[in-house]
Amino acid sequence: METFPAYYPLKGKRIVIAGEGEPAEAKARLFEGSPAQVVRLTGAAALDPKAYAAADLIFVASFDGDFCQRAARAAR
């Protein structure tokens, strides 16, 4: 299997996207028009563990590998 399709109900869900640039924009486009609440985090806000509270799905997307590691650590 080369891909894994995931079907996840979005109504009433909180989705957090941490990062800037095209990687984060691509993730945000996936949820345009969905019933989910989409929260975008950039900079220092994306490194604060409290910013991820009550998130149902979290995406960390950036060309900056260090930022991705730090944001993922905060999200965990």
PDB file of N, CA and C in Angstrom:
ATOM      1  N   MET A   1       0.854  -1.168   0.000  1.00  0.00           N
ATOM      2  CA  MET A   1       0.000   0.000   0.000  1.00  0.00           C
ATOM      3  C   MET A   1       0.902   1.234   0.000  1.00  0.00           C
ATOM      4  N   GLU A   2       0.693   2.114  -0.960  1.00  0.00           N
ATOM      5  CA  GLU A   2       1.496   3.334  -1.070  1.00  0.00           C
ATOM      6  C   GLU A   2       0.864   4.535  -0.402  1.00  0.00           C
ATOM      7  N   THR A   3      -0.427   4.521  -0.222  1.00  0.00           N
ATOM      8  CA  THR A   3      -1.112   5.633   0.440  1.00  0.00           C
ATOM      9  C   THR A   3      -2.098   5.083   1.462  1.00  0.00           C
ATOM     10  N   PHE A   4      -2.394   5.917   2.427  1.00  0.00           N
ATOM     11  CA  PHE A   4      -3.359   5.547   3.450  1.00  0.00           C
ATOM     12  C   PHE A   4      -4.431   6.623   3.512  1.00  0.00           C
ATOM     13  N   PRO A   5      -5.604   6.354   2.956  1.00  0.00           N
ATOM     14  CA  PRO A   5      -6.666   7.365   3.026  1.00  0.00           C
ATOM     15  C   PRO A   5      -7.290   7.362   4.425  1.00  0.00           C
ATOM     16  N   ALA A   6      -7.415   8.529   4.983  1.00  0.00           N
ATOM     17  CA  ALA A   6      -8.006   8.650   6.317  1.00  0.00           C
ATOM     18  C   ALA A   6      -9.295   9.466   6.209  1.00  0.00           C
ATOM     19  N   TYR A   7     -10.347   8.929   6.751  1.00  0.00           N
ATOM     20  CA  TYR A   7     -11.627   9.624   6.755  1.00  0.00           C
ATOM     21  C   TYR A   7     -11.936   9.975   8.198  1.00  0.00           C
ATOM     22  N   TYR A   8     -12.000  11.251   8.451  1.00  0.00           N
ATOM     23  CA  TYR A   8     -12.168  11.733   9.811  1.00  0.00           C
ATOM     24  C   TYR A   8     -13.270  12.786   9.812  1.00  0.00           C
ATOM     25  N   PRO A   9     -14.334  12.580  10.583  1.00  0.00           N
ATOM     26  CA  PRO A   9     -15.400  13.579  10.629  1.00  0.00           C
ATOM     27  C   PRO A   9     -14.857  14.915  11.157  1.00  0.00           C
ATOM     28  N   LEU A  10     -15.210  16.005  10.490  1.00  0.00           N
ATOM     29  CA  LEU A  10     -14.669  17.317  10.848  1.00  0.00           C
ATOM     30  C   LEU A  10     -15.641  18.219  11.604  1.00  0.00           C
ATOM     31  N   LYS A  11     -16.903  17.897  11.586  1.00  0.00           N
ATOM     32  CA  LYS A  11     -17.883  18.748  12.258  1.00  0.00           C
ATOM     33  C   LYS A  11     -17.571  18.833  13.751  1.00  0.00           C
ATOM     34  N   GLY A  12     -17.429  20.065  14.232  1.00  0.00           N
ATOM     35  CA  GLY A  12     -17.161  20.305  15.637  1.00  0.00           C
ATOM     36  C   GLY A  12     -15.723  20.050  16.066  1.00  0.00           C
ATOM     37  N   LYS A  13     -14.832  19.813  15.125  1.00  0.00           N
ATOM     38  CA  LYS A  13     -13.433  19.526  15.451  1.00  0.00           C
ATOM     39  C   LYS A  13     -12.587  20.788  15.385  1.00  0.00           C
ATOM     40  N   ARG A  14     -11.516  20.796  16.163  1.00  0.00           N
ATOM     41  CA  ARG A  14     -10.555  21.906  16.185  1.00  0.00           C
ATOM     42  C   ARG A  14      -9.257  21.406  15.573  1.00  0.00           C
ATOM     43  N   ILE A  15      -8.870  22.026  14.476  1.00  0.00           N
ATOM     44  CA  ILE A  15      -7.662  21.643  13.759  1.00  0.00           C
ATOM     45  C   ILE A  15      -6.648  22.768  13.891  1.00  0.00           C
ATOM     46  N   VAL A  16      -5.453  22.414  14.328  1.00  0.00           N
ATOM     47  CA  VAL A  16      -4.385  23.393  14.485  1.00  0.00           C
ATOM     48  C   VAL A  16      -3.335  23.145  13.410  1.00  0.00           C
ATOM     49  N   ILE A  17      -2.978  24.213  12.693  1.00  0.00           N
ATOM     50  CA  ILE A  17      -1.921  24.159  11.692  1.00  0.00           C
ATOM     51  C   ILE A  17      -0.829  25.117  12.135  1.00  0.00           C
ATOM     52  N   ALA A  18       0.339  24.566  12.434  1.00  0.00           N
ATOM     53  CA  ALA A  18       1.474  25.366  12.883  1.00  0.00           C
ATOM     54  C   ALA A  18       2.477  25.489  11.753  1.00  0.00           C
ATOM     55  N   GLY A  19       2.876  26.718  11.449  1.00  0.00           N
ATOM     56  CA  GLY A  19       3.878  26.932  10.416  1.00  0.00           C
ATOM     57  C   GLY A  19       3.489  28.046   9.476  1.00  0.00           C
ATOM     58  N   GLU A  20       4.419  28.348   8.578  1.00  0.00           N
ATOM     59  CA  GLU A  20       4.208  29.407   7.589  1.00  0.00           C
ATOM     60  C   GLU A  20       4.656  28.919   6.228  1.00  0.00           C
ATOM     61  N   GLY A  21       4.321  29.694   5.217  1.00  0.00           N
ATOM     62  CA  GLY A  21       4.756  29.377   3.870  1.00  0.00           C
ATOM     63  C   GLY A  21       3.875  28.336   3.199  1.00  0.00           C
ATOM     64  N   GLU A  22       4.317  27.883   2.052  1.00  0.00           N
ATOM     65  CA  GLU A  22       3.525  26.961   1.235  1.00  0.00           C
ATOM     66  C   GLU A  22       3.169  25.660   1.954  1.00  0.00           C
ATOM     67  N   PRO A  23       4.064  25.067   2.737  1.00  0.00           N
ATOM     68  CA  PRO A  23       3.656  23.833   3.423  1.00  0.00           C
ATOM     69  C   PRO A  23       2.419  24.019   4.314  1.00  0.00           C
ATOM     70  N   ALA A  24       2.391  25.099   5.079  1.00  0.00           N
ATOM     71  CA  ALA A  24       1.244  25.359   5.948  1.00  0.00           C
ATOM     72  C   ALA A  24       0.020  25.767   5.126  1.00  0.00           C
ATOM     73  N   GLU A  25       0.242  26.535   4.070  1.00  0.00           N
ATOM     74  CA  GLU A  25      -0.880  26.943   3.209  1.00  0.00           C
ATOM     75  C   GLU A  25      -1.533  25.726   2.566  1.00  0.00           C
ATOM     76  N   ALA A  26      -0.732  24.752   2.164  1.00  0.00           N
ATOM     77  CA  ALA A  26      -1.274  23.537   1.544  1.00  0.00           C
ATOM     78  C   ALA A  26      -2.162  22.782   2.527  1.00  0.00           C
ATOM     79  N   LYS A  27      -1.748  22.709   3.767  1.00  0.00           N
ATOM     80  CA  LYS A  27      -2.585  22.045   4.781  1.00  0.00           C
ATOM     81  C   LYS A  27      -3.877  22.825   5.002  1.00  0.00           C
ATOM     82  N   ALA A  28      -3.784  24.134   5.070  1.00  0.00           N
ATOM     83  CA  ALA A  28      -4.978  24.955   5.292  1.00  0.00           C
ATOM     84  C   ALA A  28      -5.976  24.793   4.147  1.00  0.00           C
ATOM     85  N   ARG A  29      -5.467  24.694   2.928  1.00  0.00           N
ATOM     86  CA  ARG A  29      -6.375  24.524   1.776  1.00  0.00           C
ATOM     87  C   ARG A  29      -7.183  23.238   1.872  1.00  0.00           C
ATOM     88  N   LEU A  30      -6.637  22.228   2.516  1.00  0.00           N
ATOM     89  CA  LEU A  30      -7.368  20.965   2.665  1.00  0.00           C
ATOM     90  C   LEU A  30      -8.670  21.145   3.431  1.00  0.00           C
ATOM     91  N   PHE A  31      -8.718  22.140   4.292  1.00  0.00           N
ATOM     92  CA  PHE A  31      -9.869  22.309   5.170  1.00  0.00           C
ATOM     93  C   PHE A  31     -10.766  23.482   4.804  1.00  0.00           C
ATOM     94  N   GLU A  32     -10.494  24.140   3.684  1.00  0.00           N
ATOM     95  CA  GLU A  32     -11.357  25.238   3.238  1.00  0.00           C
ATOM     96  C   GLU A  32     -12.761  24.698   2.999  1.00  0.00           C
ATOM     97  N   GLY A  33     -13.727  25.386   3.554  1.00  0.00           N
ATOM     98  CA  GLY A  33     -15.120  24.998   3.380  1.00  0.00           C
ATOM     99  C   GLY A  33     -15.571  23.865   4.294  1.00  0.00           C
ATOM    100  N   SER A  34     -14.685  23.372   5.142  1.00  0.00           N
ATOM    101  CA  SER A  34     -15.074  22.294   6.053  1.00  0.00           C
ATOM    102  C   SER A  34     -15.759  22.893   7.284  1.00  0.00           C
ATOM    103  N   PRO A  35     -16.473  22.074   8.025  1.00  0.00           N
ATOM    104  CA  PRO A  35     -17.131  22.581   9.232  1.00  0.00           C
ATOM    105  C   PRO A  35     -16.189  22.669  10.439  1.00  0.00           C
ATOM    106  N   ALA A  36     -14.928  22.321  10.261  1.00  0.00           N
ATOM    107  CA  ALA A  36     -13.979  22.356  11.375  1.00  0.00           C
ATOM    108  C   ALA A  36     -13.563  23.782  11.705  1.00  0.00           C
ATOM    109  N   GLN A  37     -13.155  23.979  12.955  1.00  0.00           N
ATOM    110  CA  GLN A  37     -12.550  25.244  13.366  1.00  0.00           C
ATOM    111  C   GLN A  37     -11.055  25.096  13.105  1.00  0.00           C
ATOM    112  N   VAL A  38     -10.522  25.905  12.186  1.00  0.00           N
ATOM    113  CA  VAL A  38      -9.110  25.830  11.835  1.00  0.00           C
ATOM    114  C   VAL A  38      -8.369  26.973  12.504  1.00  0.00           C
ATOM    115  N   VAL A  39      -7.342  26.629  13.277  1.00  0.00           N
ATOM    116  CA  VAL A  39      -6.526  27.601  13.995  1.00  0.00           C
ATOM    117  C   VAL A  39      -5.136  27.573  13.383  1.00  0.00           C
ATOM    118  N   ARG A  40      -4.623  28.742  13.003  1.00  0.00           N
ATOM    119  CA  ARG A  40      -3.272  28.849  12.438  1.00  0.00           C
ATOM    120  C   ARG A  40      -2.335  29.409  13.495  1.00  0.00           C
ATOM    121  N   LEU A  41      -1.187  28.775  13.656  1.00  0.00           N
ATOM    122  CA  LEU A  41      -0.176  29.229  14.609  1.00  0.00           C
ATOM    123  C   LEU A  41       1.131  29.497  13.879  1.00  0.00           C
ATOM    124  N   THR A  42       1.754  30.621  14.195  1.00  0.00           N
ATOM    125  CA  THR A  42       3.050  30.954  13.611  1.00  0.00           C
ATOM    126  C   THR A  42       3.972  31.464  14.714  1.00  0.00           C
ATOM    127  N   GLY A  43       5.257  31.473  14.426  1.00  0.00           N
ATOM    128  CA  GLY A  43       6.232  32.043  15.347  1.00  0.00           C
ATOM    129  C   GLY A  43       6.188  31.428  16.726  1.00  0.00           C
ATOM    130  N   ALA A  44       6.373  32.282  17.729  1.00  0.00           N
ATOM    131  CA  ALA A  44       6.428  31.827  19.113  1.00  0.00           C
ATOM    132  C   ALA A  44       5.140  31.156  19.565  1.00  0.00           C
ATOM    133  N   ALA A  45       4.003  31.568  19.023  1.00  0.00           N
ATOM    134  CA  ALA A  45       2.729  30.955  19.405  1.00  0.00           C
ATOM    135  C   ALA A  45       2.718  29.463  19.095  1.00  0.00           C
ATOM    136  N   ALA A  46       3.387  29.063  18.028  1.00  0.00           N
ATOM    137  CA  ALA A  46       3.430  27.657  17.637  1.00  0.00           C
ATOM    138  C   ALA A  46       4.339  26.828  18.530  1.00  0.00           C
ATOM    139  N   LEU A  47       5.114  27.485  19.375  1.00  0.00           N
ATOM    140  CA  LEU A  47       6.033  26.777  20.261  1.00  0.00           C
ATOM    141  C   LEU A  47       5.500  26.688  21.687  1.00  0.00           C
ATOM    142  N   ASP A  48       4.287  27.179  21.895  1.00  0.00           N
ATOM    143  CA  ASP A  48       3.656  27.168  23.218  1.00  0.00           C
ATOM    144  C   ASP A  48       2.733  25.952  23.330  1.00  0.00           C
ATOM    145  N   PRO A  49       3.045  25.004  24.209  1.00  0.00           N
ATOM    146  CA  PRO A  49       2.206  23.813  24.347  1.00  0.00           C
ATOM    147  C   PRO A  49       0.733  24.123  24.621  1.00  0.00           C
ATOM    148  N   LYS A  50       0.450  25.226  25.300  1.00  0.00           N
ATOM    149  CA  LYS A  50      -0.938  25.582  25.610  1.00  0.00           C
ATOM    150  C   LYS A  50      -1.749  25.872  24.353  1.00  0.00           C
ATOM    151  N   ALA A  51      -1.091  26.272  23.274  1.00  0.00           N
ATOM    152  CA  ALA A  51      -1.791  26.604  22.034  1.00  0.00           C
ATOM    153  C   ALA A  51      -2.439  25.386  21.382  1.00  0.00           C
ATOM    154  N   TYR A  52      -2.011  24.209  21.794  1.00  0.00           N
ATOM    155  CA  TYR A  52      -2.536  22.978  21.192  1.00  0.00           C
ATOM    156  C   TYR A  52      -3.615  22.313  22.031  1.00  0.00           C
ATOM    157  N   ALA A  53      -3.973  22.935  23.143  1.00  0.00           N
ATOM    158  CA  ALA A  53      -4.989  22.361  24.019  1.00  0.00           C
ATOM    159  C   ALA A  53      -6.297  22.168  23.261  1.00  0.00           C
ATOM    160  N   ALA A  54      -6.919  21.052  23.480  1.00  0.00           N
ATOM    161  CA  ALA A  54      -8.222  20.716  22.897  1.00  0.00           C
ATOM    162  C   ALA A  54      -8.198  20.573  21.378  1.00  0.00           C
ATOM    163  N   ALA A  55      -7.031  20.418  20.789  1.00  0.00           N
ATOM    164  CA  ALA A  55      -6.953  20.199  19.338  1.00  0.00           C
ATOM    165  C   ALA A  55      -7.301  18.749  19.027  1.00  0.00           C
ATOM    166  N   ASP A  56      -8.080  18.556  17.974  1.00  0.00           N
ATOM    167  CA  ASP A  56      -8.425  17.206  17.538  1.00  0.00           C
ATOM    168  C   ASP A  56      -7.424  16.685  16.509  1.00  0.00           C
ATOM    169  N   LEU A  57      -6.914  17.582  15.690  1.00  0.00           N
ATOM    170  CA  LEU A  57      -5.881  17.260  14.702  1.00  0.00           C
ATOM    171  C   LEU A  57      -4.849  18.374  14.720  1.00  0.00           C
ATOM    172  N   ILE A  58      -3.588  18.004  14.569  1.00  0.00           N
ATOM    173  CA  ILE A  58      -2.517  18.996  14.541  1.00  0.00           C
ATOM    174  C   ILE A  58      -1.611  18.703  13.355  1.00  0.00           C
ATOM    175  N   PHE A  59      -1.288  19.748  12.610  1.00  0.00           N
ATOM    176  CA  PHE A  59      -0.337  19.652  11.506  1.00  0.00           C
ATOM    177  C   PHE A  59       0.767  20.667  11.740  1.00  0.00           C
ATOM    178  N   VAL A  60       2.002  20.226  11.622  1.00  0.00           N
ATOM    179  CA  VAL A  60       3.154  21.118  11.683  1.00  0.00           C
ATOM    180  C   VAL A  60       3.765  21.099  10.295  1.00  0.00           C
ATOM    181  N   ALA A  61       3.812  22.257   9.658  1.00  0.00           N
ATOM    182  CA  ALA A  61       4.247  22.305   8.268  1.00  0.00           C
ATOM    183  C   ALA A  61       5.085  23.553   8.012  1.00  0.00           C
ATOM    184  N   SER A  62       6.341  23.327   7.656  1.00  0.00           N
ATOM    185  CA  SER A  62       7.256  24.433   7.390  1.00  0.00           C
ATOM    186  C   SER A  62       8.479  23.883   6.673  1.00  0.00           C
ATOM    187  N   PHE A  63       9.169  24.744   5.935  1.00  0.00           N
ATOM    188  CA  PHE A  63      10.443  24.356   5.336  1.00  0.00           C
ATOM    189  C   PHE A  63      11.566  24.371   6.377  1.00  0.00           C
ATOM    190  N   ASP A  64      11.306  24.973   7.526  1.00  0.00           N
ATOM    191  CA  ASP A  64      12.294  25.098   8.600  1.00  0.00           C
ATOM    192  C   ASP A  64      12.231  23.858   9.494  1.00  0.00           C
ATOM    193  N   GLY A  65      13.194  22.970   9.345  1.00  0.00           N
ATOM    194  CA  GLY A  65      13.199  21.725  10.097  1.00  0.00           C
ATOM    195  C   GLY A  65      13.283  21.929  11.600  1.00  0.00           C
ATOM    196  N   ASP A  66      14.080  22.898  12.028  1.00  0.00           N
ATOM    197  CA  ASP A  66      14.200  23.184  13.461  1.00  0.00           C
ATOM    198  C   ASP A  66      12.856  23.621  14.030  1.00  0.00           C
ATOM    199  N   PHE A  67      12.170  24.511  13.315  1.00  0.00           N
ATOM    200  CA  PHE A  67      10.841  24.958  13.748  1.00  0.00           C
ATOM    201  C   PHE A  67       9.903  23.756  13.862  1.00  0.00           C
ATOM    202  N   CYS A  68       9.916  22.879  12.876  1.00  0.00           N
ATOM    203  CA  CYS A  68       9.025  21.713  12.885  1.00  0.00           C
ATOM    204  C   CYS A  68       9.277  20.834  14.109  1.00  0.00           C
ATOM    205  N   GLN A  69      10.534  20.595  14.418  1.00  0.00           N
ATOM    206  CA  GLN A  69      10.859  19.778  15.584  1.00  0.00           C
ATOM    207  C   GLN A  69      10.381  20.438  16.876  1.00  0.00           C
ATOM    208  N   ARG A  70      10.618  21.731  17.001  1.00  0.00           N
ATOM    209  CA  ARG A  70      10.220  22.439  18.214  1.00  0.00           C
ATOM    210  C   ARG A  70       8.697  22.522  18.350  1.00  0.00           C
ATOM    211  N   ALA A  71       8.005  22.771  17.248  1.00  0.00           N
ATOM    212  CA  ALA A  71       6.547  22.857  17.285  1.00  0.00           C
ATOM    213  C   ALA A  71       5.944  21.477  17.572  1.00  0.00           C
ATOM    214  N   ALA A  72       6.488  20.445  16.977  1.00  0.00           N
ATOM    215  CA  ALA A  72       5.988  19.084  17.232  1.00  0.00           C
ATOM    216  C   ALA A  72       6.188  18.720  18.694  1.00  0.00           C
ATOM    217  N   ARG A  73       7.306  19.094  19.255  1.00  0.00           N
ATOM    218  CA  ARG A  73       7.572  18.835  20.669  1.00  0.00           C
ATOM    219  C   ARG A  73       6.533  19.570  21.539  1.00  0.00           C
ATOM    220  N   ALA A  74       6.233  20.798  21.194  1.00  0.00           N
ATOM    221  CA  ALA A  74       5.223  21.560  21.938  1.00  0.00           C
ATOM    222  C   ALA A  74       3.851  20.921  21.816  1.00  0.00           C
ATOM    223  N   ALA A  75       3.539  20.416  20.639  1.00  0.00           N
ATOM    224  CA  ALA A  75       2.224  19.813  20.408  1.00  0.00           C
ATOM    225  C   ALA A  75       2.044  18.512  21.190  1.00  0.00           C
ATOM    226  N   ARG A  76       3.127  17.801  21.370  1.00  0.00           N
ATOM    227  CA  ARG A  76       3.026  16.529  22.116  1.00  0.00           C
ATOM    228  C   ARG A  76       2.730  16.783  23.572  1.00  0.00           C
TER     229      ARG A  76
END
